[in-house]
Amino acid sequence: EAHVSDFGTAKLLKLDSSNWSKLAGTYGYMAPE
């Protein structure tokens, strides 16, 4: 059974903000935008 781990890059979204951020994630899995 799968379990999601490693929340070091997690971002709590504030819906009233633009949510701009520094690049985070693993190369090859990041969304192109």
PDB file of all heavy atoms in Angstrom:
ATOM      1  N   GLU A   1       0.863  -1.188   0.000  1.00  0.00           N
ATOM      2  CA  GLU A   1       0.000   0.000   0.000  1.00  0.00           C
ATOM      3  C   GLU A   1       0.897   1.234   0.000  1.00  0.00           C
ATOM      4  O   GLU A   1       1.914   1.282   0.704  1.00  0.00           O
ATOM      5  CB  GLU A   1      -0.896  -0.009   1.241  1.00  0.00           C
ATOM      6  CG  GLU A   1      -1.980   1.044   1.245  1.00  0.00           C
ATOM      7  CD  GLU A   1      -3.164   0.717   0.363  1.00  0.00           C
ATOM      8  OE1 GLU A   1      -3.419  -0.476   0.114  1.00  0.00           O
ATOM      9  OE2 GLU A   1      -3.847   1.675  -0.076  1.00  0.00           O
ATOM     10  N   ALA A   2       0.524   2.236  -0.797  1.00  0.00           N
ATOM     11  CA  ALA A   2       1.353   3.435  -0.947  1.00  0.00           C
ATOM     12  C   ALA A   2       1.111   4.450   0.167  1.00  0.00           C
ATOM     13  O   ALA A   2      -0.020   4.620   0.637  1.00  0.00           O
ATOM     14  CB  ALA A   2       1.075   4.085  -2.294  1.00  0.00           C
ATOM     15  N   HIS A   3       2.200   5.127   0.572  1.00  0.00           N
ATOM     16  CA  HIS A   3       2.121   6.185   1.582  1.00  0.00           C
ATOM     17  C   HIS A   3       2.995   7.347   1.122  1.00  0.00           C
ATOM     18  O   HIS A   3       4.201   7.176   0.901  1.00  0.00           O
ATOM     19  CB  HIS A   3       2.591   5.672   2.941  1.00  0.00           C
ATOM     20  CG  HIS A   3       1.804   4.510   3.448  1.00  0.00           C
ATOM     21  ND1 HIS A   3       0.739   4.648   4.315  1.00  0.00           N
ATOM     22  CD2 HIS A   3       1.918   3.183   3.186  1.00  0.00           C
ATOM     23  CE1 HIS A   3       0.235   3.450   4.577  1.00  0.00           C
ATOM     24  NE2 HIS A   3       0.929   2.555   3.896  1.00  0.00           N
ATOM     25  N   VAL A   4       2.387   8.520   0.984  1.00  0.00           N
ATOM     26  CA  VAL A   4       3.104   9.710   0.540  1.00  0.00           C
ATOM     27  C   VAL A   4       3.929  10.256   1.705  1.00  0.00           C
ATOM     28  O   VAL A   4       3.433  10.397   2.824  1.00  0.00           O
ATOM     29  CB  VAL A   4       2.127  10.785   0.041  1.00  0.00           C
ATOM     30  CG1 VAL A   4       2.876  12.054  -0.364  1.00  0.00           C
ATOM     31  CG2 VAL A   4       1.317  10.250  -1.143  1.00  0.00           C
ATOM     32  N   SER A   5       5.202  10.549   1.428  1.00  0.00           N
ATOM     33  CA  SER A   5       6.100  11.054   2.477  1.00  0.00           C
ATOM     34  C   SER A   5       6.833  12.294   2.000  1.00  0.00           C
ATOM     35  O   SER A   5       6.632  12.761   0.874  1.00  0.00           O
ATOM     36  CB  SER A   5       7.118   9.968   2.861  1.00  0.00           C
ATOM     37  OG  SER A   5       8.059   9.784   1.811  1.00  0.00           O
ATOM     38  N   ASP A   6       7.702  12.818   2.867  1.00  0.00           N
ATOM     39  CA  ASP A   6       8.600  13.933   2.577  1.00  0.00           C
ATOM     40  C   ASP A   6       7.862  15.204   2.186  1.00  0.00           C
ATOM     41  O   ASP A   6       7.675  15.515   1.018  1.00  0.00           O
ATOM     42  CB  ASP A   6       9.607  13.561   1.492  1.00  0.00           C
ATOM     43  CG  ASP A   6      10.846  14.449   1.553  1.00  0.00           C
ATOM     44  OD1 ASP A   6      10.741  15.549   2.118  1.00  0.00           O
ATOM     45  OD2 ASP A   6      11.906  14.055   1.051  1.00  0.00           O
ATOM     46  N   PHE A   7       7.479  15.948   3.208  1.00  0.00           N
ATOM     47  CA  PHE A   7       6.742  17.190   2.991  1.00  0.00           C
ATOM     48  C   PHE A   7       7.610  18.431   3.154  1.00  0.00           C
ATOM     49  O   PHE A   7       7.125  19.515   3.443  1.00  0.00           O
ATOM     50  CB  PHE A   7       5.538  17.253   3.946  1.00  0.00           C
ATOM     51  CG  PHE A   7       4.429  16.325   3.545  1.00  0.00           C
ATOM     52  CD1 PHE A   7       4.522  14.964   3.787  1.00  0.00           C
ATOM     53  CD2 PHE A   7       3.301  16.807   2.913  1.00  0.00           C
ATOM     54  CE1 PHE A   7       3.509  14.103   3.406  1.00  0.00           C
ATOM     55  CE2 PHE A   7       2.281  15.954   2.525  1.00  0.00           C
ATOM     56  CZ  PHE A   7       2.384  14.600   2.771  1.00  0.00           C
ATOM     57  N   GLY A   8       8.923  18.267   2.975  1.00  0.00           N
ATOM     58  CA  GLY A   8       9.829  19.401   3.136  1.00  0.00           C
ATOM     59  C   GLY A   8       9.569  20.537   2.166  1.00  0.00           C
ATOM     60  O   GLY A   8       9.877  21.691   2.452  1.00  0.00           O
ATOM     61  N   THR A   9       8.997  20.218   0.997  1.00  0.00           N
ATOM     62  CA  THR A   9       8.725  21.270   0.015  1.00  0.00           C
ATOM     63  C   THR A   9       7.245  21.649  -0.028  1.00  0.00           C
ATOM     64  O   THR A   9       6.834  22.443  -0.858  1.00  0.00           O
ATOM     65  CB  THR A   9       9.143  20.812  -1.403  1.00  0.00           C
ATOM     66  OG1 THR A   9       8.419  19.616  -1.732  1.00  0.00           O
ATOM     67  CG2 THR A   9      10.632  20.532  -1.469  1.00  0.00           C
ATOM     68  N   ALA A  10       6.435  21.077   0.865  1.00  0.00           N
ATOM     69  CA  ALA A  10       4.989  21.319   0.836  1.00  0.00           C
ATOM     70  C   ALA A  10       4.685  22.801   1.016  1.00  0.00           C
ATOM     71  O   ALA A  10       5.357  23.522   1.744  1.00  0.00           O
ATOM     72  CB  ALA A  10       4.307  20.503   1.929  1.00  0.00           C
ATOM     73  N   LYS A  11       3.628  23.234   0.343  1.00  0.00           N
ATOM     74  CA  LYS A  11       3.209  24.631   0.439  1.00  0.00           C
ATOM     75  C   LYS A  11       1.725  24.679   0.781  1.00  0.00           C
ATOM     76  O   LYS A  11       0.910  24.041   0.132  1.00  0.00           O
ATOM     77  CB  LYS A  11       3.454  25.359  -0.890  1.00  0.00           C
ATOM     78  CG  LYS A  11       3.159  26.857  -0.835  1.00  0.00           C
ATOM     79  CD  LYS A  11       3.551  27.514  -2.143  1.00  0.00           C
ATOM     80  CE  LYS A  11       3.276  29.013  -2.113  1.00  0.00           C
ATOM     81  NZ  LYS A  11       4.112  29.729  -1.138  1.00  0.00           N
ATOM     82  N   LEU A  12       1.413  25.431   1.848  1.00  0.00           N
ATOM     83  CA  LEU A  12       0.018  25.617   2.220  1.00  0.00           C
ATOM     84  C   LEU A  12      -0.525  26.770   1.388  1.00  0.00           C
ATOM     85  O   LEU A  12      -0.075  27.905   1.510  1.00  0.00           O
ATOM     86  CB  LEU A  12      -0.094  25.919   3.715  1.00  0.00           C
ATOM     87  CG  LEU A  12       0.496  24.829   4.617  1.00  0.00           C
ATOM     88  CD1 LEU A  12       0.624  25.339   6.043  1.00  0.00           C
ATOM     89  CD2 LEU A  12      -0.371  23.592   4.582  1.00  0.00           C
ATOM     90  N   LEU A  13      -1.486  26.477   0.523  1.00  0.00           N
ATOM     91  CA  LEU A  13      -1.963  27.483  -0.425  1.00  0.00           C
ATOM     92  C   LEU A  13      -2.886  28.494   0.239  1.00  0.00           C
ATOM     93  O   LEU A  13      -3.871  28.128   0.874  1.00  0.00           O
ATOM     94  CB  LEU A  13      -2.726  26.809  -1.572  1.00  0.00           C
ATOM     95  CG  LEU A  13      -1.903  26.164  -2.679  1.00  0.00           C
ATOM     96  CD1 LEU A  13      -2.819  25.784  -3.825  1.00  0.00           C
ATOM     97  CD2 LEU A  13      -0.804  27.072  -3.175  1.00  0.00           C
ATOM     98  N   LYS A  14      -2.564  29.755   0.085  1.00  0.00           N
ATOM     99  CA  LYS A  14      -3.462  30.819   0.510  1.00  0.00           C
ATOM    100  C   LYS A  14      -4.251  31.220  -0.724  1.00  0.00           C
ATOM    101  O   LYS A  14      -3.702  31.741  -1.689  1.00  0.00           O
ATOM    102  CB  LYS A  14      -2.658  31.999   1.062  1.00  0.00           C
ATOM    103  CG  LYS A  14      -1.872  31.647   2.325  1.00  0.00           C
ATOM    104  CD  LYS A  14      -1.073  32.838   2.817  1.00  0.00           C
ATOM    105  CE  LYS A  14      -0.271  32.467   4.062  1.00  0.00           C
ATOM    106  NZ  LYS A  14       0.557  33.605   4.536  1.00  0.00           N
ATOM    107  N   LEU A  15      -5.541  30.961  -0.698  1.00  0.00           N
ATOM    108  CA  LEU A  15      -6.355  31.114  -1.904  1.00  0.00           C
ATOM    109  C   LEU A  15      -6.474  32.570  -2.356  1.00  0.00           C
ATOM    110  O   LEU A  15      -6.849  32.842  -3.481  1.00  0.00           O
ATOM    111  CB  LEU A  15      -7.744  30.522  -1.656  1.00  0.00           C
ATOM    112  CG  LEU A  15      -7.747  29.024  -1.300  1.00  0.00           C
ATOM    113  CD1 LEU A  15      -9.161  28.545  -1.085  1.00  0.00           C
ATOM    114  CD2 LEU A  15      -7.059  28.203  -2.383  1.00  0.00           C
ATOM    115  N   ASP A  16      -6.171  33.516  -1.452  1.00  0.00           N
ATOM    116  CA  ASP A  16      -6.285  34.923  -1.824  1.00  0.00           C
ATOM    117  C   ASP A  16      -4.936  35.524  -2.224  1.00  0.00           C
ATOM    118  O   ASP A  16      -4.778  36.730  -2.311  1.00  0.00           O
ATOM    119  CB  ASP A  16      -6.873  35.733  -0.666  1.00  0.00           C
ATOM    120  CG  ASP A  16      -6.037  35.620   0.608  1.00  0.00           C
ATOM    121  OD1 ASP A  16      -5.158  34.739   0.642  1.00  0.00           O
ATOM    122  OD2 ASP A  16      -6.269  36.407   1.540  1.00  0.00           O
ATOM    123  N   SER A  17      -3.940  34.659  -2.469  1.00  0.00           N
ATOM    124  CA  SER A  17      -2.622  35.162  -2.848  1.00  0.00           C
ATOM    125  C   SER A  17      -2.184  34.552  -4.172  1.00  0.00           C
ATOM    126  O   SER A  17      -2.811  33.637  -4.693  1.00  0.00           O
ATOM    127  CB  SER A  17      -1.586  34.839  -1.764  1.00  0.00           C
ATOM    128  OG  SER A  17      -1.279  33.458  -1.763  1.00  0.00           O
ATOM    129  N   SER A  18      -1.088  35.058  -4.708  1.00  0.00           N
ATOM    130  CA  SER A  18      -0.613  34.594  -6.008  1.00  0.00           C
ATOM    131  C   SER A  18       0.179  33.293  -5.913  1.00  0.00           C
ATOM    132  O   SER A  18       0.389  32.613  -6.899  1.00  0.00           O
ATOM    133  CB  SER A  18       0.268  35.669  -6.654  1.00  0.00           C
ATOM    134  OG  SER A  18       1.383  35.941  -5.826  1.00  0.00           O
ATOM    135  N   ASN A  19       0.649  32.949  -4.685  1.00  0.00           N
ATOM    136  CA  ASN A  19       1.379  31.701  -4.468  1.00  0.00           C
ATOM    137  C   ASN A  19       2.615  31.555  -5.339  1.00  0.00           C
ATOM    138  O   ASN A  19       2.901  30.485  -5.853  1.00  0.00           O
ATOM    139  CB  ASN A  19       0.454  30.491  -4.676  1.00  0.00           C
ATOM    140  CG  ASN A  19      -0.586  30.395  -3.580  1.00  0.00           C
ATOM    141  OD1 ASN A  19      -0.266  30.325  -2.394  1.00  0.00           O
ATOM    142  ND2 ASN A  19      -1.839  30.427  -3.982  1.00  0.00           N
ATOM    143  N   TRP A  20       3.341  32.648  -5.502  1.00  0.00           N
ATOM    144  CA  TRP A  20       4.621  32.571  -6.194  1.00  0.00           C
ATOM    145  C   TRP A  20       5.649  31.989  -5.243  1.00  0.00           C
ATOM    146  O   TRP A  20       5.622  32.217  -4.052  1.00  0.00           O
ATOM    147  CB  TRP A  20       5.063  33.963  -6.659  1.00  0.00           C
ATOM    148  CG  TRP A  20       4.127  34.539  -7.666  1.00  0.00           C
ATOM    149  CD1 TRP A  20       3.054  35.336  -7.429  1.00  0.00           C
ATOM    150  CD2 TRP A  20       4.162  34.334  -9.078  1.00  0.00           C
ATOM    151  NE1 TRP A  20       2.422  35.655  -8.604  1.00  0.00           N
ATOM    152  CE2 TRP A  20       3.068  35.068  -9.629  1.00  0.00           C
ATOM    153  CE3 TRP A  20       5.000  33.628  -9.939  1.00  0.00           C
ATOM    154  CZ2 TRP A  20       2.805  35.094 -11.002  1.00  0.00           C
ATOM    155  CZ3 TRP A  20       4.732  33.666 -11.310  1.00  0.00           C
ATOM    156  CH2 TRP A  20       3.654  34.382 -11.818  1.00  0.00           C
ATOM    157  N   SER A  21       6.564  31.217  -5.768  1.00  0.00           N
ATOM    158  CA  SER A  21       7.507  30.525  -4.887  1.00  0.00           C
ATOM    159  C   SER A  21       8.806  30.232  -5.625  1.00  0.00           C
ATOM    160  O   SER A  21       8.860  30.246  -6.851  1.00  0.00           O
ATOM    161  CB  SER A  21       6.887  29.211  -4.399  1.00  0.00           C
ATOM    162  OG  SER A  21       7.798  28.471  -3.630  1.00  0.00           O
ATOM    163  N   LYS A  22       9.825  29.937  -4.847  1.00  0.00           N
ATOM    164  CA  LYS A  22      11.067  29.477  -5.456  1.00  0.00           C
ATOM    165  C   LYS A  22      10.859  28.058  -5.987  1.00  0.00           C
ATOM    166  O   LYS A  22       9.957  27.338  -5.551  1.00  0.00           O
ATOM    167  CB  LYS A  22      12.213  29.499  -4.443  1.00  0.00           C
ATOM    168  CG  LYS A  22      12.066  28.481  -3.337  1.00  0.00           C
ATOM    169  CD  LYS A  22      13.335  28.414  -2.521  1.00  0.00           C
ATOM    170  CE  LYS A  22      13.258  27.249  -1.530  1.00  0.00           C
ATOM    171  NZ  LYS A  22      14.516  27.024  -0.837  1.00  0.00           N
ATOM    172  N   LEU A  23      11.682  27.655  -6.933  1.00  0.00           N
ATOM    173  CA  LEU A  23      11.566  26.337  -7.548  1.00  0.00           C
ATOM    174  C   LEU A  23      11.830  25.242  -6.521  1.00  0.00           C
ATOM    175  O   LEU A  23      12.791  25.298  -5.759  1.00  0.00           O
ATOM    176  CB  LEU A  23      12.556  26.213  -8.702  1.00  0.00           C
ATOM    177  CG  LEU A  23      12.289  25.112  -9.733  1.00  0.00           C
ATOM    178  CD1 LEU A  23      10.947  25.343 -10.411  1.00  0.00           C
ATOM    179  CD2 LEU A  23      13.397  25.105 -10.779  1.00  0.00           C
ATOM    180  N   ALA A  24      10.934  24.261  -6.471  1.00  0.00           N
ATOM    181  CA  ALA A  24      11.096  23.150  -5.536  1.00  0.00           C
ATOM    182  C   ALA A  24      10.556  21.886  -6.174  1.00  0.00           C
ATOM    183  O   ALA A  24       9.596  21.920  -6.934  1.00  0.00           O
ATOM    184  CB  ALA A  24      10.362  23.443  -4.232  1.00  0.00           C
ATOM    185  N   GLY A  25      11.177  20.762  -5.867  1.00  0.00           N
ATOM    186  CA  GLY A  25      10.708  19.500  -6.417  1.00  0.00           C
ATOM    187  C   GLY A  25      11.853  18.690  -6.995  1.00  0.00           C
ATOM    188  O   GLY A  25      13.025  19.032  -6.843  1.00  0.00           O
ATOM    189  N   THR A  26      11.500  17.610  -7.675  1.00  0.00           N
ATOM    190  CA  THR A  26      12.494  16.706  -8.253  1.00  0.00           C
ATOM    191  C   THR A  26      12.492  16.832  -9.769  1.00  0.00           C
ATOM    192  O   THR A  26      11.426  16.786 -10.399  1.00  0.00           O
ATOM    193  CB  THR A  26      12.191  15.246  -7.851  1.00  0.00           C
ATOM    194  OG1 THR A  26      12.219  15.145  -6.424  1.00  0.00           O
ATOM    195  CG2 THR A  26      13.213  14.292  -8.450  1.00  0.00           C
ATOM    196  N   TYR A  27      13.668  16.995 -10.343  1.00  0.00           N
ATOM    197  CA  TYR A  27      13.775  17.126 -11.799  1.00  0.00           C
ATOM    198  C   TYR A  27      13.158  15.904 -12.475  1.00  0.00           C
ATOM    199  O   TYR A  27      13.387  14.770 -12.090  1.00  0.00           O
ATOM    200  CB  TYR A  27      15.245  17.251 -12.201  1.00  0.00           C
ATOM    201  CG  TYR A  27      15.448  17.385 -13.689  1.00  0.00           C
ATOM    202  CD1 TYR A  27      15.188  18.588 -14.337  1.00  0.00           C
ATOM    203  CD2 TYR A  27      15.877  16.298 -14.450  1.00  0.00           C
ATOM    204  CE1 TYR A  27      15.359  18.713 -15.702  1.00  0.00           C
ATOM    205  CE2 TYR A  27      16.047  16.412 -15.823  1.00  0.00           C
ATOM    206  CZ  TYR A  27      15.785  17.621 -16.446  1.00  0.00           C
ATOM    207  OH  TYR A  27      15.942  17.734 -17.801  1.00  0.00           O
ATOM    208  N   GLY A  28      12.364  16.157 -13.504  1.00  0.00           N
ATOM    209  CA  GLY A  28      11.706  15.075 -14.226  1.00  0.00           C
ATOM    210  C   GLY A  28      10.268  14.862 -13.792  1.00  0.00           C
ATOM    211  O   GLY A  28       9.513  14.153 -14.458  1.00  0.00           O
ATOM    212  N   TYR A  29       9.878  15.499 -12.678  1.00  0.00           N
ATOM    213  CA  TYR A  29       8.500  15.382 -12.176  1.00  0.00           C
ATOM    214  C   TYR A  29       7.812  16.748 -12.099  1.00  0.00           C
ATOM    215  O   TYR A  29       6.609  16.818 -11.890  1.00  0.00           O
ATOM    216  CB  TYR A  29       8.479  14.757 -10.778  1.00  0.00           C
ATOM    217  CG  TYR A  29       9.004  13.347 -10.709  1.00  0.00           C
ATOM    218  CD1 TYR A  29      10.364  13.107 -10.540  1.00  0.00           C
ATOM    219  CD2 TYR A  29       8.152  12.248 -10.803  1.00  0.00           C
ATOM    220  CE1 TYR A  29      10.858  11.809 -10.466  1.00  0.00           C
ATOM    221  CE2 TYR A  29       8.633  10.951 -10.726  1.00  0.00           C
ATOM    222  CZ  TYR A  29       9.998  10.739 -10.558  1.00  0.00           C
ATOM    223  OH  TYR A  29      10.487   9.453 -10.486  1.00  0.00           O
ATOM    224  N   MET A  30       8.580  17.831 -12.253  1.00  0.00           N
ATOM    225  CA  MET A  30       8.022  19.170 -12.079  1.00  0.00           C
ATOM    226  C   MET A  30       7.211  19.607 -13.288  1.00  0.00           C
ATOM    227  O   MET A  30       7.588  19.369 -14.428  1.00  0.00           O
ATOM    228  CB  MET A  30       9.141  20.179 -11.813  1.00  0.00           C
ATOM    229  CG  MET A  30       9.772  20.040 -10.448  1.00  0.00           C
ATOM    230  SD  MET A  30      10.977  21.346 -10.107  1.00  0.00           S
ATOM    231  CE  MET A  30      12.331  20.837 -11.168  1.00  0.00           C
ATOM    232  N   ALA A  31       6.098  20.264 -13.007  1.00  0.00           N
ATOM    233  CA  ALA A  31       5.241  20.778 -14.073  1.00  0.00           C
ATOM    234  C   ALA A  31       6.002  21.823 -14.883  1.00  0.00           C
ATOM    235  O   ALA A  31       6.759  22.620 -14.321  1.00  0.00           O
ATOM    236  CB  ALA A  31       3.983  21.386 -13.469  1.00  0.00           C
ATOM    237  N   PRO A  32       5.834  21.824 -16.203  1.00  0.00           N
ATOM    238  CA  PRO A  32       6.616  22.736 -17.061  1.00  0.00           C
ATOM    239  C   PRO A  32       6.414  24.210 -16.741  1.00  0.00           C
ATOM    240  O   PRO A  32       7.345  25.007 -16.894  1.00  0.00           O
ATOM    241  CB  PRO A  32       6.138  22.389 -18.474  1.00  0.00           C
ATOM    242  CG  PRO A  32       4.830  21.679 -18.291  1.00  0.00           C
ATOM    243  CD  PRO A  32       4.935  20.963 -17.000  1.00  0.00           C
ATOM    244  N   GLU A  33       5.212  24.590 -16.274  1.00  0.00           N
ATOM    245  CA  GLU A  33       4.967  26.006 -16.019  1.00  0.00           C
ATOM    246  C   GLU A  33       5.815  26.552 -14.874  1.00  0.00           C
ATOM    247  O   GLU A  33       6.072  27.751 -14.787  1.00  0.00           O
ATOM    248  CB  GLU A  33       3.480  26.271 -15.731  1.00  0.00           C
ATOM    249  CG  GLU A  33       2.937  25.655 -14.445  1.00  0.00           C
ATOM    250  CD  GLU A  33       2.381  24.262 -14.654  1.00  0.00           C
ATOM    251  OE1 GLU A  33       2.676  23.651 -15.698  1.00  0.00           O
ATOM    252  OE2 GLU A  33       1.638  23.794 -13.769  1.00  0.00           O
TER     253      GLU A  33
END
